[in-house]
Amino acid sequence: MVRRAVVDDRSASSYSESSVVERPSAASVIAKVLTVLYVTVISLIGLDTLFEAMDANESNGFVNAVDTLASPLMAPFSGMFDNQQYWATALVAAVVYTVVYLIAMAVLRRDRTY
């Protein structure tokens, strides 16, 4: 949805010139920010899981940074099941974040023409 603002320029000349400035709605901006956050979160979880599966060297700066950023995102979902493995935690976290993202996008993009 795009909001339009009409600008009327009646300065130094005897005729009037109007132009239309299109601005994205607040919901559109929020949706774009949420999409960037969602992709970032899922990418961090995916990379961290890949590094864990490949037994990456945790003393490497990049591997350590990804693990540091992804751990708080996956912490609420660890230990949900007996003998839960790392990949299962990552999968549950990714599914939950995807469901939350899809619900938020549905709310933001619903038709508001009542």
N, C-alpha and C. Protein backbone atom coordinates (compact mmCIF):
# COMPACT_ATOMS: atom_id res chain seq x y z
N MET A 1 0.85 -1.15 0.00
CA MET A 1 0.00 0.00 0.00
C MET A 1 0.90 1.23 0.00
N VAL A 2 0.60 2.19 -0.83
CA VAL A 2 1.40 3.39 -0.94
C VAL A 2 0.55 4.59 -0.59
N ARG A 3 1.08 5.43 0.28
CA ARG A 3 0.39 6.68 0.59
C ARG A 3 0.87 7.74 -0.37
N ARG A 4 0.00 8.60 -0.79
CA ARG A 4 0.36 9.67 -1.72
C ARG A 4 0.20 11.02 -1.05
N ALA A 5 1.17 11.85 -1.26
CA ALA A 5 1.11 13.21 -0.75
C ALA A 5 1.22 14.15 -1.93
N VAL A 6 0.31 15.08 -2.05
CA VAL A 6 0.33 16.04 -3.14
C VAL A 6 1.01 17.30 -2.66
N VAL A 7 2.02 17.72 -3.40
CA VAL A 7 2.77 18.91 -3.06
C VAL A 7 2.39 20.00 -4.05
N ASP A 8 1.94 21.13 -3.55
CA ASP A 8 1.54 22.25 -4.41
C ASP A 8 2.61 23.33 -4.31
N ASP A 9 3.27 23.61 -5.42
CA ASP A 9 4.35 24.58 -5.44
C ASP A 9 3.85 25.87 -6.09
N ARG A 10 3.57 26.88 -5.28
CA ARG A 10 3.08 28.16 -5.79
C ARG A 10 4.09 29.27 -5.53
N SER A 11 5.33 28.98 -5.74
CA SER A 11 6.35 30.01 -5.51
C SER A 11 6.39 30.98 -6.67
N ALA A 12 7.44 31.58 -6.93
CA ALA A 12 7.68 32.75 -7.78
C ALA A 12 6.94 32.83 -9.11
N SER A 13 6.29 31.84 -9.58
CA SER A 13 5.65 31.93 -10.88
C SER A 13 4.14 32.14 -10.75
N SER A 14 3.52 32.48 -11.85
CA SER A 14 2.09 32.76 -11.83
C SER A 14 1.25 31.51 -12.04
N TYR A 15 1.86 30.40 -12.38
CA TYR A 15 1.10 29.16 -12.54
C TYR A 15 1.44 28.20 -11.40
N SER A 16 0.59 27.26 -11.19
CA SER A 16 0.76 26.31 -10.09
C SER A 16 1.19 24.96 -10.66
N GLU A 17 2.10 24.32 -9.97
CA GLU A 17 2.57 23.01 -10.40
C GLU A 17 2.42 22.06 -9.22
N SER A 18 1.75 20.95 -9.45
CA SER A 18 1.56 19.96 -8.40
C SER A 18 2.32 18.69 -8.76
N SER A 19 2.87 18.06 -7.77
CA SER A 19 3.54 16.78 -8.01
C SER A 19 3.08 15.79 -6.94
N VAL A 20 3.14 14.53 -7.27
CA VAL A 20 2.72 13.49 -6.35
C VAL A 20 3.97 12.79 -5.81
N VAL A 21 4.09 12.75 -4.51
CA VAL A 21 5.20 12.08 -3.86
C VAL A 21 4.65 10.80 -3.24
N GLU A 22 5.19 9.66 -3.65
CA GLU A 22 4.71 8.39 -3.12
C GLU A 22 5.59 7.95 -1.96
N ARG A 23 4.94 7.60 -0.85
CA ARG A 23 5.65 7.13 0.34
C ARG A 23 5.09 5.78 0.72
N PRO A 24 5.97 4.86 1.10
CA PRO A 24 5.47 3.56 1.54
C PRO A 24 4.75 3.69 2.88
N SER A 25 3.78 2.84 3.09
CA SER A 25 3.03 2.88 4.35
C SER A 25 3.91 2.35 5.49
N ALA A 26 3.50 2.63 6.69
CA ALA A 26 4.24 2.16 7.87
C ALA A 26 4.26 0.63 7.91
N ALA A 27 3.15 0.00 7.54
CA ALA A 27 3.09 -1.46 7.53
C ALA A 27 4.08 -2.04 6.54
N SER A 28 4.26 -1.39 5.42
CA SER A 28 5.22 -1.86 4.42
C SER A 28 6.65 -1.76 4.93
N VAL A 29 6.97 -0.69 5.60
CA VAL A 29 8.31 -0.51 6.16
C VAL A 29 8.56 -1.54 7.26
N ILE A 30 7.58 -1.74 8.12
CA ILE A 30 7.72 -2.73 9.20
C ILE A 30 7.89 -4.13 8.61
N ALA A 31 7.14 -4.44 7.56
CA ALA A 31 7.25 -5.75 6.91
C ALA A 31 8.65 -5.97 6.35
N LYS A 32 9.22 -4.94 5.76
CA LYS A 32 10.58 -5.06 5.21
C LYS A 32 11.61 -5.27 6.32
N VAL A 33 11.46 -4.56 7.42
CA VAL A 33 12.38 -4.72 8.56
C VAL A 33 12.24 -6.12 9.15
N LEU A 34 11.01 -6.60 9.32
CA LEU A 34 10.79 -7.95 9.84
C LEU A 34 11.38 -9.01 8.92
N THR A 35 11.29 -8.80 7.62
CA THR A 35 11.87 -9.76 6.67
C THR A 35 13.38 -9.82 6.81
N VAL A 36 14.02 -8.67 6.95
CA VAL A 36 15.47 -8.65 7.13
C VAL A 36 15.85 -9.36 8.43
N LEU A 37 15.12 -9.09 9.50
CA LEU A 37 15.39 -9.76 10.78
C LEU A 37 15.18 -11.27 10.69
N TYR A 38 14.11 -11.67 10.04
CA TYR A 38 13.81 -13.10 9.89
C TYR A 38 14.92 -13.81 9.11
N VAL A 39 15.31 -13.24 7.99
CA VAL A 39 16.37 -13.86 7.18
C VAL A 39 17.67 -13.93 7.97
N THR A 40 17.97 -12.89 8.74
CA THR A 40 19.18 -12.89 9.56
C THR A 40 19.13 -13.99 10.61
N VAL A 41 18.02 -14.11 11.31
CA VAL A 41 17.88 -15.12 12.36
C VAL A 41 17.99 -16.52 11.79
N ILE A 42 17.28 -16.80 10.72
CA ILE A 42 17.31 -18.14 10.11
C ILE A 42 18.69 -18.44 9.55
N SER A 43 19.35 -17.45 8.99
CA SER A 43 20.71 -17.65 8.47
C SER A 43 21.69 -17.97 9.59
N LEU A 44 21.58 -17.27 10.70
CA LEU A 44 22.46 -17.55 11.84
C LEU A 44 22.23 -18.95 12.39
N ILE A 45 20.98 -19.33 12.53
CA ILE A 45 20.67 -20.68 13.02
C ILE A 45 21.19 -21.73 12.04
N GLY A 46 20.98 -21.51 10.76
CA GLY A 46 21.45 -22.45 9.75
C GLY A 46 22.96 -22.58 9.71
N LEU A 47 23.66 -21.45 9.74
CA LEU A 47 25.12 -21.49 9.75
C LEU A 47 25.65 -22.17 11.00
N ASP A 48 25.08 -21.85 12.15
CA ASP A 48 25.54 -22.44 13.39
C ASP A 48 25.33 -23.96 13.38
N THR A 49 24.21 -24.40 12.86
CA THR A 49 23.93 -25.83 12.77
C THR A 49 24.89 -26.50 11.79
N LEU A 50 25.17 -25.86 10.67
CA LEU A 50 26.12 -26.39 9.70
C LEU A 50 27.51 -26.50 10.32
N PHE A 51 27.94 -25.47 11.02
CA PHE A 51 29.25 -25.52 11.67
C PHE A 51 29.31 -26.62 12.72
N GLU A 52 28.23 -26.79 13.46
CA GLU A 52 28.17 -27.84 14.48
C GLU A 52 28.24 -29.22 13.82
N ALA A 53 27.51 -29.41 12.72
CA ALA A 53 27.49 -30.70 12.03
C ALA A 53 28.84 -31.03 11.42
N MET A 54 29.56 -30.00 10.98
CA MET A 54 30.87 -30.21 10.36
C MET A 54 32.00 -30.16 11.38
N ASP A 55 31.66 -30.05 12.65
CA ASP A 55 32.63 -29.98 13.74
C ASP A 55 33.66 -28.88 13.49
N ALA A 56 33.16 -27.68 13.22
CA ALA A 56 34.03 -26.54 12.93
C ALA A 56 34.83 -26.14 14.16
N ASN A 57 35.98 -25.56 13.92
CA ASN A 57 36.88 -25.12 14.98
C ASN A 57 36.29 -23.89 15.67
N GLU A 58 35.91 -24.03 16.94
CA GLU A 58 35.25 -22.94 17.64
C GLU A 58 36.19 -21.81 18.03
N SER A 59 37.48 -22.01 17.86
CA SER A 59 38.42 -20.92 18.13
C SER A 59 38.54 -19.98 16.93
N ASN A 60 37.95 -20.38 15.79
CA ASN A 60 37.91 -19.50 14.62
C ASN A 60 36.97 -18.34 14.91
N GLY A 61 37.37 -17.13 14.55
CA GLY A 61 36.59 -15.94 14.87
C GLY A 61 35.18 -15.94 14.29
N PHE A 62 35.05 -16.34 13.03
CA PHE A 62 33.74 -16.32 12.38
C PHE A 62 32.82 -17.38 13.00
N VAL A 63 33.35 -18.58 13.20
CA VAL A 63 32.56 -19.65 13.81
C VAL A 63 32.13 -19.24 15.22
N ASN A 64 33.04 -18.64 15.96
CA ASN A 64 32.73 -18.19 17.32
C ASN A 64 31.67 -17.08 17.31
N ALA A 65 31.77 -16.15 16.36
CA ALA A 65 30.79 -15.06 16.27
C ALA A 65 29.40 -15.59 15.94
N VAL A 66 29.33 -16.51 14.99
CA VAL A 66 28.03 -17.10 14.62
C VAL A 66 27.44 -17.84 15.81
N ASP A 67 28.27 -18.61 16.52
CA ASP A 67 27.79 -19.35 17.69
C ASP A 67 27.31 -18.40 18.79
N THR A 68 28.04 -17.31 19.00
CA THR A 68 27.66 -16.33 20.02
C THR A 68 26.33 -15.67 19.69
N LEU A 69 26.09 -15.39 18.42
CA LEU A 69 24.84 -14.74 18.02
C LEU A 69 23.66 -15.72 17.97
N ALA A 70 23.93 -16.96 17.58
CA ALA A 70 22.85 -17.93 17.41
C ALA A 70 22.42 -18.59 18.72
N SER A 71 23.32 -18.71 19.67
CA SER A 71 23.00 -19.40 20.92
C SER A 71 21.80 -18.81 21.66
N PRO A 72 21.72 -17.49 21.84
CA PRO A 72 20.53 -16.94 22.53
C PRO A 72 19.23 -17.15 21.74
N LEU A 73 19.34 -17.26 20.42
CA LEU A 73 18.14 -17.48 19.61
C LEU A 73 17.61 -18.90 19.75
N MET A 74 18.52 -19.84 20.02
CA MET A 74 18.12 -21.24 20.12
C MET A 74 17.92 -21.71 21.56
N ALA A 75 18.38 -20.92 22.52
CA ALA A 75 18.33 -21.32 23.94
C ALA A 75 16.91 -21.67 24.43
N PRO A 76 15.87 -20.92 24.06
CA PRO A 76 14.54 -21.27 24.58
C PRO A 76 14.03 -22.64 24.13
N PHE A 77 14.64 -23.20 23.09
CA PHE A 77 14.14 -24.44 22.51
C PHE A 77 15.00 -25.65 22.85
N SER A 78 16.09 -25.45 23.58
CA SER A 78 16.94 -26.60 23.93
C SER A 78 16.35 -27.33 25.13
N GLY A 79 16.52 -28.62 25.16
CA GLY A 79 16.04 -29.43 26.26
C GLY A 79 14.55 -29.68 26.27
N MET A 80 13.88 -29.50 25.15
CA MET A 80 12.44 -29.73 25.09
C MET A 80 12.11 -31.23 25.11
N PHE A 81 13.04 -32.04 24.61
CA PHE A 81 12.83 -33.48 24.51
C PHE A 81 14.00 -34.20 25.19
N ASP A 82 13.78 -35.44 25.58
CA ASP A 82 14.86 -36.24 26.16
C ASP A 82 15.92 -36.50 25.09
N ASN A 83 17.17 -36.36 25.46
CA ASN A 83 18.30 -36.60 24.55
C ASN A 83 18.20 -35.79 23.25
N GLN A 84 17.75 -34.57 23.35
CA GLN A 84 17.58 -33.72 22.17
C GLN A 84 18.94 -33.35 21.60
N GLN A 85 19.09 -33.57 20.31
CA GLN A 85 20.34 -33.23 19.64
C GLN A 85 20.29 -31.80 19.13
N TYR A 86 21.48 -31.30 18.79
CA TYR A 86 21.62 -29.90 18.40
C TYR A 86 20.78 -29.57 17.17
N TRP A 87 20.76 -30.46 16.18
CA TRP A 87 20.02 -30.18 14.95
C TRP A 87 18.52 -30.09 15.23
N ALA A 88 18.04 -30.88 16.21
CA ALA A 88 16.61 -30.83 16.54
C ALA A 88 16.24 -29.49 17.18
N THR A 89 17.15 -28.99 18.02
CA THR A 89 16.92 -27.66 18.61
C THR A 89 16.86 -26.61 17.53
N ALA A 90 17.79 -26.68 16.57
CA ALA A 90 17.81 -25.71 15.47
C ALA A 90 16.55 -25.81 14.62
N LEU A 91 16.09 -27.02 14.39
CA LEU A 91 14.88 -27.21 13.58
C LEU A 91 13.65 -26.64 14.28
N VAL A 92 13.50 -26.92 15.55
CA VAL A 92 12.36 -26.39 16.31
C VAL A 92 12.42 -24.86 16.32
N ALA A 93 13.60 -24.30 16.56
CA ALA A 93 13.73 -22.84 16.58
C ALA A 93 13.37 -22.23 15.23
N ALA A 94 13.85 -22.82 14.15
CA ALA A 94 13.56 -22.30 12.81
C ALA A 94 12.07 -22.37 12.50
N VAL A 95 11.43 -23.46 12.90
CA VAL A 95 9.99 -23.60 12.65
C VAL A 95 9.20 -22.56 13.45
N VAL A 96 9.54 -22.38 14.71
CA VAL A 96 8.83 -21.41 15.54
C VAL A 96 9.02 -20.00 15.01
N TYR A 97 10.25 -19.63 14.67
CA TYR A 97 10.49 -18.29 14.12
C TYR A 97 9.79 -18.09 12.79
N THR A 98 9.70 -19.14 11.99
CA THR A 98 8.99 -19.03 10.71
C THR A 98 7.50 -18.82 10.92
N VAL A 99 6.91 -19.55 11.84
CA VAL A 99 5.47 -19.39 12.13
C VAL A 99 5.19 -17.97 12.65
N VAL A 100 6.03 -17.48 13.56
CA VAL A 100 5.85 -16.13 14.10
C VAL A 100 5.98 -15.10 12.98
N TYR A 101 6.96 -15.28 12.11
CA TYR A 101 7.16 -14.36 10.98
C TYR A 101 5.95 -14.37 10.04
N LEU A 102 5.45 -15.54 9.70
CA LEU A 102 4.31 -15.63 8.80
C LEU A 102 3.05 -15.00 9.39
N ILE A 103 2.85 -15.19 10.68
CA ILE A 103 1.69 -14.56 11.33
C ILE A 103 1.84 -13.04 11.31
N ALA A 104 3.03 -12.54 11.63
CA ALA A 104 3.26 -11.09 11.62
C ALA A 104 3.05 -10.51 10.23
N MET A 105 3.52 -11.22 9.20
CA MET A 105 3.36 -10.73 7.83
C MET A 105 1.88 -10.74 7.42
N ALA A 106 1.15 -11.74 7.84
CA ALA A 106 -0.28 -11.79 7.52
C ALA A 106 -1.02 -10.63 8.17
N VAL A 107 -0.66 -10.30 9.40
CA VAL A 107 -1.30 -9.19 10.09
C VAL A 107 -0.96 -7.87 9.40
N LEU A 108 0.28 -7.70 9.01
CA LEU A 108 0.71 -6.44 8.40
C LEU A 108 0.15 -6.26 6.98
N ARG A 109 -0.08 -7.34 6.27
CA ARG A 109 -0.50 -7.23 4.87
C ARG A 109 -1.98 -7.49 4.66
N ARG A 110 -2.73 -7.55 5.73
CA ARG A 110 -4.16 -7.79 5.54
C ARG A 110 -4.80 -6.59 4.85
N ASP A 111 -5.90 -6.83 4.20
CA ASP A 111 -6.59 -5.78 3.47
C ASP A 111 -7.27 -4.84 4.46
N ARG A 112 -6.94 -3.59 4.40
CA ARG A 112 -7.48 -2.61 5.35
C ARG A 112 -8.53 -1.70 4.71
N THR A 113 -9.23 -2.20 3.72
CA THR A 113 -10.24 -1.39 3.04
C THR A 113 -11.63 -1.78 3.51
N TYR A 114 -11.97 -1.45 4.75
CA TYR A 114 -13.30 -1.81 5.23
C TYR A 114 -14.27 -0.75 4.80
